[in-house]
Amino acid sequence: MTMDRAAASLPLQGIRVLDFSRLLPGPWCTQMLADLGADVIKVEQPGIGDPARHNPPDYRTLSVYFCNVNRGKRSIALDLSSNAGREVALRLIDRADVLIESFRRGVTTRLGIDAEAARARNARLIYCSITGFGQDGPLAAVPGHDLVIQAMTGLMNVQPVADVIPPVPGFQAADYAGATSALSGILAALLRRDRTGEAAMLDISMFDSLLAMGNVTLTGAMARAAGSPAVPGMEVWGRNPRYCTYRTRDGKAVAVSLLETRTWQHFCRHIGRPDLIAEDESPRDRHSTHGDRAALFRDTLTAYFAAHDRDGVVAELLDVDVPICPVSTPEEALAHPHVAARGLLDRIEHSSEGGIPRLANPLARSGLARTAEREPPALGADTDAVLAELGYGADERVAFHDAGVVA
């Protein structure tokens, strides 16, 4: 049950976050911080803003992508290439608890908002840089988009197929790995600062973050690095017939996860194939290919699911406690009753877009995250309000607008 947050404060209330990041890793991290109660000020380039604003598809006029990673923030459009714009940025830094940036290495130094300059003004600042490959090392200067990071970590090629190029992944694992590392690092740094007064400079690399999450996927390579032949290896990428996907009669597919011996035996008895049960099966067989029985297992599962429609066979097997689930389309996933039951998708009223769907923060159920928040900001929507908070008078704000320092 979701906690009534009217009776409990959010954990980051009173924390101000200055967000110079763009696209996905930084903005998703700062959206999570906003969900936890932080005041996030998004600093954007006048006229263009975060490039994610221009990513299709749109609701009516706004990017779905942008809206999904920028809710609950305020936006100031600021020309950081101008002296006046940099001075505004430094005033923002003076009042911030956390600064997040995702520029290429060296850009913040040219702009005068690098970690050394920022922390010279604000000794309690948590400064977080998110890049593809980090601030040092032979790849530090290489721009790091999700695809190249996933390719470099080896995770795309864990189950190579001869003469087949690994496909482009369907999920931005490197982006979210970097965002998650940044989020946990910032929360840990804030906790330490509250206890000791010590600030932090976080060098968050998407490559580092995703590689560290490969501690299961890279088991074979790690075993070989230690001198082991790594045979047998862990088989959870398609060569284990009991942990795989199968086509159904109606042209759809199911995901089969019959790893445990007891579950496999239950399934075999249900479909009338007790001959598939091996009494000597051990826990070591769980993530194996199942050796000389693999072809029999795979042929049986292929034929069984090919003889049934997806939704019917899923309902039948779940009813008898066999964990077979549909391979859903994105539309089916959002419409699933479990999503509604868990409160994972709702609608917010946007001033220009009308009712738009919102994926809820899963921590909201525990009373730790917002359930209702400000809509994703228009470019520069909060510029004047933020300038006023920084102590700039009305005449100064007008002068900034006239000079193109802000928008």
Protein backbone atom coordinates (compact mmCIF):
# COMPACT_ATOMS: atom_id res chain seq x y z
CA MET A 1 0.00 0.00 0.00
CA THR A 2 1.31 3.45 -0.88
CA MET A 3 2.16 5.55 2.18
CA ASP A 4 0.32 8.83 2.57
CA ARG A 5 3.13 11.27 1.94
CA ALA A 6 1.14 14.12 3.48
CA ALA A 7 2.18 12.60 6.80
CA ALA A 8 5.86 12.10 5.96
CA SER A 9 8.44 14.41 4.42
CA LEU A 10 10.35 13.33 1.34
CA PRO A 11 13.99 12.38 2.01
CA LEU A 12 15.57 15.10 -0.14
CA GLN A 13 13.37 18.03 0.80
CA GLY A 14 15.59 21.09 1.18
CA ILE A 15 18.29 19.75 -1.17
CA ARG A 16 18.98 21.86 -4.26
CA VAL A 17 20.37 20.14 -7.36
CA LEU A 18 21.91 22.05 -10.26
CA ASP A 19 21.55 20.01 -13.44
CA PHE A 20 23.81 20.83 -16.39
CA SER A 21 23.29 17.38 -17.96
CA ARG A 22 21.49 16.46 -21.17
CA LEU A 23 19.85 13.48 -22.90
CA LEU A 24 19.46 10.41 -20.65
CA PRO A 25 21.92 9.44 -17.87
CA GLY A 26 22.09 12.79 -16.05
CA PRO A 27 18.45 13.80 -16.56
CA TRP A 28 17.12 10.41 -15.40
CA CYS A 29 19.32 10.66 -12.29
CA THR A 30 18.11 14.18 -11.54
CA GLN A 31 14.49 13.20 -12.16
CA MET A 32 14.90 10.51 -9.51
CA LEU A 33 16.38 13.12 -7.17
CA ALA A 34 13.38 15.37 -7.89
CA ASP A 35 11.04 12.46 -7.18
CA LEU A 36 12.76 12.07 -3.80
CA GLY A 37 12.00 15.71 -2.99
CA ALA A 38 14.99 17.68 -4.27
CA ASP A 39 14.61 21.07 -5.96
CA VAL A 40 16.20 20.41 -9.36
CA ILE A 41 17.13 23.40 -11.54
CA LYS A 42 17.81 22.32 -15.12
CA VAL A 43 20.25 24.67 -16.89
CA GLU A 44 19.72 24.66 -20.68
CA GLN A 45 21.04 26.40 -23.76
CA PRO A 46 18.77 29.25 -24.90
CA GLY A 47 16.78 28.51 -28.03
CA ILE A 48 17.69 24.81 -28.19
CA GLY A 49 17.61 23.40 -24.69
CA ASP A 50 18.30 19.80 -23.90
CA PRO A 51 18.54 17.92 -27.26
CA ALA A 52 16.11 15.39 -25.78
CA ARG A 53 13.38 18.00 -26.27
CA HIS A 54 13.59 17.23 -29.99
CA ASN A 55 13.49 13.41 -29.83
CA PRO A 56 10.39 11.79 -31.39
CA PRO A 57 7.71 10.66 -30.77
CA ASP A 58 5.71 13.60 -29.42
CA TYR A 59 2.50 13.78 -27.44
CA ARG A 60 1.08 16.85 -29.19
CA THR A 61 4.12 19.06 -29.39
CA LEU A 62 6.41 17.78 -26.62
CA SER A 63 8.83 14.87 -26.79
CA VAL A 64 7.66 11.80 -24.87
CA TYR A 65 11.32 10.99 -24.16
CA PHE A 66 11.96 14.43 -22.67
CA CYS A 67 8.83 14.35 -20.55
CA ASN A 68 9.70 10.90 -19.21
CA VAL A 69 13.08 11.95 -17.77
CA ASN A 70 12.50 15.58 -16.77
CA ARG A 71 9.39 15.71 -14.62
CA GLY A 72 9.38 17.73 -11.43
CA LYS A 73 12.25 20.06 -12.44
CA ARG A 74 12.59 23.79 -13.07
CA SER A 75 14.27 25.12 -16.21
CA ILE A 76 16.50 28.15 -16.69
CA ALA A 77 17.79 28.98 -20.19
CA LEU A 78 21.31 30.35 -19.71
CA ASP A 79 24.10 31.22 -22.16
CA LEU A 80 27.16 29.76 -20.45
CA SER A 81 29.47 31.10 -23.19
CA SER A 82 28.93 34.67 -21.96
CA ASN A 83 30.63 36.23 -18.94
CA ALA A 84 27.29 37.26 -17.48
CA GLY A 85 25.90 33.77 -18.01
CA ARG A 86 28.84 32.22 -16.22
CA GLU A 87 28.36 34.62 -13.32
CA VAL A 88 24.75 33.50 -13.02
CA ALA A 89 25.93 29.88 -13.06
CA LEU A 90 28.40 30.59 -10.28
CA ARG A 91 25.65 32.17 -8.16
CA LEU A 92 23.61 29.02 -8.71
CA ILE A 93 26.60 26.95 -7.60
CA ASP A 94 26.91 29.03 -4.44
CA ARG A 95 23.44 27.90 -3.37
CA ALA A 96 23.52 24.28 -4.57
CA ASP A 97 24.00 21.04 -2.66
CA VAL A 98 24.62 18.93 -5.76
CA LEU A 99 25.85 19.73 -9.27
CA ILE A 100 25.53 17.21 -12.10
CA GLU A 101 27.11 17.71 -15.52
CA SER A 102 27.61 15.48 -18.55
CA PHE A 103 29.88 17.58 -20.76
CA ARG A 104 32.84 16.07 -22.55
CA ARG A 105 36.06 16.21 -20.57
CA GLY A 106 37.50 19.73 -20.52
CA VAL A 107 34.30 21.62 -21.39
CA THR A 108 33.49 22.62 -17.80
CA THR A 109 37.01 24.01 -17.39
CA ARG A 110 36.53 26.23 -20.43
CA LEU A 111 33.20 27.38 -19.01
CA GLY A 112 34.66 28.04 -15.57
CA ILE A 113 32.32 25.63 -13.78
CA ASP A 114 34.68 22.69 -13.33
CA ALA A 115 34.87 20.83 -10.03
CA GLU A 116 37.83 22.79 -8.69
CA ALA A 117 36.26 26.18 -9.48
CA ALA A 118 32.84 25.14 -8.21
CA ARG A 119 34.06 23.70 -4.93
CA ALA A 120 36.31 26.70 -4.34
CA ARG A 121 33.09 28.72 -4.10
CA ASN A 122 31.02 26.07 -2.32
CA ALA A 123 33.04 23.70 -0.17
CA ARG A 124 29.99 21.53 0.66
CA LEU A 125 29.09 20.91 -2.97
CA ILE A 126 28.65 17.34 -4.22
CA TYR A 127 30.01 17.57 -7.78
CA CYS A 128 29.05 14.73 -10.13
CA SER A 129 30.44 14.33 -13.67
CA ILE A 130 28.83 11.70 -15.90
CA THR A 131 30.77 10.72 -19.03
CA GLY A 132 31.07 7.69 -21.25
CA PHE A 133 34.49 6.52 -20.10
CA GLY A 134 35.45 8.71 -17.12
CA GLN A 135 37.80 11.60 -16.53
CA ASP A 136 41.01 9.63 -17.09
CA GLY A 137 42.24 6.54 -18.91
CA PRO A 138 42.94 5.94 -22.62
CA LEU A 139 39.27 6.27 -23.62
CA ALA A 140 38.48 9.38 -21.56
CA ALA A 141 38.26 11.66 -24.61
CA VAL A 142 35.91 9.33 -26.55
CA PRO A 143 32.23 10.41 -26.61
CA GLY A 144 30.21 7.72 -24.91
CA HIS A 145 26.79 6.92 -26.35
CA ASP A 146 24.95 3.89 -25.04
CA LEU A 147 25.63 1.65 -28.04
CA VAL A 148 29.41 2.06 -27.99
CA ILE A 149 29.52 1.54 -24.22
CA GLN A 150 27.52 -1.68 -24.45
CA ALA A 151 29.75 -2.83 -27.29
CA MET A 152 32.95 -2.10 -25.36
CA THR A 153 31.87 -3.93 -22.19
CA GLY A 154 31.51 -7.26 -24.00
CA LEU A 155 27.92 -7.63 -22.87
CA MET A 156 26.58 -7.52 -26.44
CA ASN A 157 28.84 -10.41 -27.43
CA VAL A 158 28.49 -12.76 -24.50
CA GLN A 159 26.89 -15.47 -26.65
CA PRO A 160 28.56 -15.04 -30.05
CA VAL A 161 27.04 -16.67 -33.12
CA ALA A 162 29.31 -17.35 -36.08
CA ASP A 163 28.97 -14.80 -38.89
CA VAL A 164 26.24 -12.89 -37.01
CA ILE A 165 26.88 -9.32 -35.85
CA PRO A 166 25.35 -8.71 -32.42
CA PRO A 167 22.12 -6.70 -32.83
CA VAL A 168 21.66 -3.20 -31.46
CA PRO A 169 20.28 -3.60 -27.91
CA GLY A 170 16.67 -2.68 -27.30
CA PHE A 171 17.36 -1.10 -23.91
CA GLN A 172 19.78 1.71 -22.99
CA ALA A 173 21.59 -0.33 -20.33
CA ALA A 174 24.73 1.82 -20.29
CA ASP A 175 22.77 5.06 -19.92
CA TYR A 176 20.74 3.72 -17.03
CA ALA A 177 23.78 2.06 -15.43
CA GLY A 178 25.56 5.43 -15.36
CA ALA A 179 22.45 7.16 -14.04
CA THR A 180 22.01 4.56 -11.31
CA SER A 181 25.65 4.81 -10.22
CA ALA A 182 25.33 8.60 -10.12
CA LEU A 183 22.14 8.41 -8.08
CA SER A 184 23.58 6.01 -5.50
CA GLY A 185 26.83 7.96 -5.36
CA ILE A 186 25.06 11.27 -4.77
CA LEU A 187 22.86 9.81 -2.03
CA ALA A 188 25.90 8.25 -0.34
CA ALA A 189 27.86 11.51 -0.64
CA LEU A 190 25.01 13.51 0.89
CA LEU A 191 24.78 11.05 3.77
CA ARG A 192 28.52 11.27 4.41
CA ARG A 193 28.45 15.07 4.17
CA ASP A 194 25.72 15.23 6.78
CA ARG A 195 27.78 13.01 9.08
CA THR A 196 31.30 14.40 8.54
CA GLY A 197 30.92 17.66 6.60
CA GLU A 198 33.04 16.21 3.80
CA ALA A 199 31.95 16.96 0.21
CA ALA A 200 32.74 14.78 -2.82
CA MET A 201 33.72 14.82 -6.47
CA LEU A 202 32.05 11.90 -8.28
CA ASP A 203 33.66 10.69 -11.52
CA ILE A 204 30.84 8.55 -12.94
CA SER A 205 31.64 6.55 -16.05
CA MET A 206 28.90 4.77 -17.98
CA PHE A 207 31.52 2.19 -18.98
CA ASP A 208 32.62 1.59 -15.40
CA SER A 209 29.01 1.36 -14.24
CA LEU A 210 27.86 -1.13 -16.86
CA LEU A 211 31.01 -3.25 -16.63
CA ALA A 212 30.48 -3.54 -12.87
CA MET A 213 26.94 -4.78 -13.55
CA GLY A 214 28.39 -7.55 -15.73
CA ASN A 215 29.45 -9.58 -12.71
CA VAL A 216 27.21 -12.45 -13.88
CA THR A 217 27.39 -11.92 -17.64
CA LEU A 218 31.19 -11.88 -17.62
CA THR A 219 31.64 -14.97 -15.42
CA GLY A 220 33.13 -17.00 -18.26
CA ALA A 221 35.70 -14.36 -19.13
CA MET A 222 36.56 -13.89 -15.46
CA ALA A 223 37.06 -17.61 -14.97
CA ARG A 224 39.36 -17.77 -17.99
CA ALA A 225 41.28 -14.75 -16.69
CA ALA A 226 41.96 -16.79 -13.54
CA GLY A 227 43.24 -19.74 -15.58
CA SER A 228 40.08 -21.84 -15.58
CA PRO A 229 38.69 -23.27 -18.84
CA ALA A 230 35.26 -21.92 -17.76
CA VAL A 231 33.57 -25.16 -18.81
CA PRO A 232 30.75 -25.67 -18.22
CA GLY A 233 29.66 -22.05 -18.32
CA MET A 234 26.52 -20.35 -17.07
CA GLU A 235 23.84 -20.68 -19.75
CA VAL A 236 21.15 -18.02 -19.38
CA TRP A 237 21.39 -16.46 -22.85
CA GLY A 238 19.46 -18.95 -24.96
CA ARG A 239 21.44 -22.20 -24.99
CA ASN A 240 19.63 -23.51 -21.91
CA PRO A 241 16.38 -24.90 -23.39
CA ARG A 242 14.61 -24.46 -20.06
CA TYR A 243 15.45 -20.74 -19.95
CA CYS A 244 14.50 -19.49 -23.36
CA THR A 245 11.74 -18.08 -25.56
CA TYR A 246 9.42 -20.12 -27.79
CA ARG A 247 6.99 -19.32 -30.59
CA THR A 248 3.29 -20.03 -30.03
CA ARG A 249 0.63 -21.14 -32.50
CA ASP A 250 -0.70 -17.62 -33.00
CA GLY A 251 2.71 -16.24 -34.00
CA LYS A 252 3.44 -14.72 -30.60
CA ALA A 253 5.98 -15.94 -28.05
CA VAL A 254 6.42 -17.00 -24.44
CA ALA A 255 9.32 -16.77 -22.02
CA VAL A 256 10.12 -20.05 -20.32
CA SER A 257 11.95 -20.09 -16.98
CA LEU A 258 11.87 -23.68 -15.78
CA LEU A 259 15.27 -23.68 -14.10
CA GLU A 260 14.53 -25.33 -10.78
CA THR A 261 14.22 -29.11 -10.74
CA ARG A 262 10.94 -29.12 -8.84
CA THR A 263 9.34 -26.63 -11.26
CA TRP A 264 10.55 -28.60 -14.27
CA GLN A 265 9.16 -31.83 -12.84
CA HIS A 266 5.82 -30.16 -12.16
CA PHE A 267 5.65 -28.87 -15.76
CA CYS A 268 6.59 -32.27 -17.21
CA ARG A 269 3.88 -34.03 -15.25
CA HIS A 270 1.33 -31.38 -16.24
CA ILE A 271 1.97 -31.88 -19.96
CA GLY A 272 2.05 -35.67 -19.61
CA ARG A 273 5.78 -36.10 -20.16
CA PRO A 274 7.22 -37.60 -16.96
CA ASP A 275 9.84 -39.28 -19.14
CA LEU A 276 11.62 -35.90 -19.34
CA ILE A 277 12.37 -36.00 -15.61
CA ALA A 278 15.90 -37.02 -14.66
CA GLU A 279 16.04 -38.30 -11.10
CA ASP A 280 19.76 -37.57 -10.86
CA GLU A 281 19.42 -33.87 -11.80
CA SER A 282 21.51 -31.71 -9.46
CA PRO A 283 21.64 -27.98 -8.62
CA ARG A 284 24.64 -27.70 -10.93
CA ASP A 285 22.38 -28.51 -13.89
CA ARG A 286 20.23 -25.43 -13.23
CA HIS A 287 22.13 -23.02 -15.50
CA SER A 288 23.61 -25.61 -17.86
CA THR A 289 22.76 -26.61 -21.42
CA HIS A 290 21.48 -29.95 -19.99
CA GLY A 291 23.99 -31.81 -22.11
CA ASP A 292 22.76 -34.73 -24.18
CA ARG A 293 19.16 -34.10 -23.10
CA ALA A 294 19.16 -30.54 -24.45
CA ALA A 295 17.81 -31.43 -27.90
CA LEU A 296 14.99 -33.49 -26.39
CA PHE A 297 14.04 -30.70 -24.01
CA ARG A 298 14.14 -28.04 -26.73
CA ASP A 299 12.17 -30.12 -29.25
CA THR A 300 9.50 -30.90 -26.67
CA LEU A 301 9.11 -27.29 -25.60
CA THR A 302 9.09 -26.07 -29.20
CA ALA A 303 6.36 -28.52 -30.18
CA TYR A 304 4.29 -27.93 -27.06
CA PHE A 305 4.11 -24.16 -27.40
CA ALA A 306 3.66 -24.32 -31.16
CA ALA A 307 0.46 -26.25 -30.49
CA HIS A 308 -1.06 -23.55 -28.24
CA ASP A 309 -2.00 -19.89 -28.49
CA ARG A 310 0.07 -17.63 -26.28
CA ASP A 311 -2.49 -16.18 -23.89
CA GLY A 312 -4.33 -19.47 -23.43
CA VAL A 313 -1.24 -21.48 -22.56
CA VAL A 314 0.10 -18.75 -20.27
CA ALA A 315 -3.19 -18.65 -18.35
CA GLU A 316 -3.30 -22.44 -18.11
CA LEU A 317 0.25 -22.81 -16.84
CA LEU A 318 0.14 -19.90 -14.41
CA ASP A 319 -3.04 -21.38 -13.00
CA VAL A 320 -1.10 -24.52 -12.05
CA ASP A 321 1.90 -22.53 -10.76
CA VAL A 322 4.20 -23.00 -13.75
CA PRO A 323 6.07 -19.69 -14.43
CA ILE A 324 5.51 -19.16 -18.15
CA CYS A 325 4.92 -15.55 -19.19
CA PRO A 326 4.11 -13.80 -22.46
CA VAL A 327 6.67 -11.91 -24.49
CA SER A 328 4.66 -8.72 -24.43
CA THR A 329 4.57 -5.83 -26.84
CA PRO A 330 5.18 -2.41 -25.24
CA GLU A 331 1.46 -1.70 -25.49
CA GLU A 332 0.60 -4.99 -23.79
CA ALA A 333 3.10 -4.32 -21.03
CA LEU A 334 1.59 -0.92 -20.17
CA ALA A 335 -1.94 -2.32 -20.29
CA HIS A 336 -1.27 -5.35 -18.09
CA PRO A 337 -3.48 -5.56 -14.99
CA HIS A 338 -0.40 -5.99 -12.79
CA VAL A 339 0.84 -2.54 -13.87
CA ALA A 340 -2.48 -1.05 -12.80
CA ALA A 341 -2.54 -3.01 -9.55
CA ARG A 342 0.92 -1.76 -8.59
CA GLY A 343 0.12 1.83 -9.56
CA LEU A 344 2.98 1.95 -12.06
CA LEU A 345 1.21 3.99 -14.74
CA ASP A 346 -1.01 6.98 -14.24
CA ARG A 347 -1.93 10.16 -16.07
CA ILE A 348 -1.04 13.75 -15.34
CA GLU A 349 -2.67 16.83 -16.75
CA HIS A 350 -0.20 18.88 -18.75
CA SER A 351 -0.96 22.53 -19.49
CA SER A 352 -0.36 22.15 -23.24
CA GLU A 353 -0.49 18.38 -23.89
CA GLY A 354 -3.61 17.46 -21.95
CA GLY A 355 -3.68 14.12 -20.14
CA ILE A 356 -0.40 12.27 -20.67
CA PRO A 357 0.73 8.96 -19.18
CA ARG A 358 3.41 8.86 -16.50
CA LEU A 359 5.50 5.93 -15.32
CA ALA A 360 5.48 6.14 -11.54
CA ASN A 361 8.57 6.00 -9.37
CA PRO A 362 8.43 2.58 -7.67
CA LEU A 363 9.61 4.14 -4.39
CA ALA A 364 6.34 6.07 -4.16
CA ARG A 365 4.71 2.94 -2.68
CA SER A 366 7.03 3.31 0.29
CA GLY A 367 6.33 7.02 0.73
CA LEU A 368 9.81 8.02 -0.43
CA ALA A 369 8.95 9.59 -3.80
CA ARG A 370 6.46 12.05 -5.20
CA THR A 371 3.17 10.78 -6.56
CA ALA A 372 2.16 14.16 -8.02
CA GLU A 373 4.59 16.76 -9.25
CA ARG A 374 5.24 19.71 -11.49
CA GLU A 375 4.96 18.90 -15.20
CA PRO A 376 8.18 18.70 -17.24
CA PRO A 377 9.32 22.31 -17.69
CA ALA A 378 9.12 24.35 -20.86
CA LEU A 379 12.50 25.69 -21.91
CA GLY A 380 13.35 28.59 -19.62
CA ALA A 381 9.98 28.45 -17.88
CA ASP A 382 11.54 29.27 -14.51
CA THR A 383 14.32 31.63 -15.62
CA ASP A 384 12.94 34.79 -14.03
CA ALA A 385 11.91 33.06 -10.81
CA VAL A 386 15.35 31.50 -10.39
CA LEU A 387 17.12 34.80 -11.15
CA ALA A 388 14.99 36.52 -8.54
CA GLU A 389 15.93 33.83 -6.00
CA LEU A 390 19.59 34.56 -6.77
CA GLY A 391 19.08 38.22 -5.88
CA TYR A 392 18.86 39.76 -9.35
CA GLY A 393 16.49 42.73 -9.50
CA ALA A 394 13.86 43.37 -12.16
CA ASP A 395 16.11 45.74 -14.14
CA GLU A 396 18.96 43.24 -14.14
CA ARG A 397 16.67 40.48 -15.32
CA VAL A 398 15.39 42.63 -18.18
CA ALA A 399 18.98 43.47 -19.15
CA PHE A 400 19.89 39.79 -19.16
CA HIS A 401 16.98 39.01 -21.49
CA ASP A 402 17.82 41.92 -23.78
CA ALA A 403 21.46 40.77 -24.02
CA GLY A 404 20.49 37.15 -24.72
CA VAL A 405 22.18 35.92 -21.53
CA VAL A 406 18.95 34.20 -20.51
CA ALA A 407 15.74 33.27 -22.21
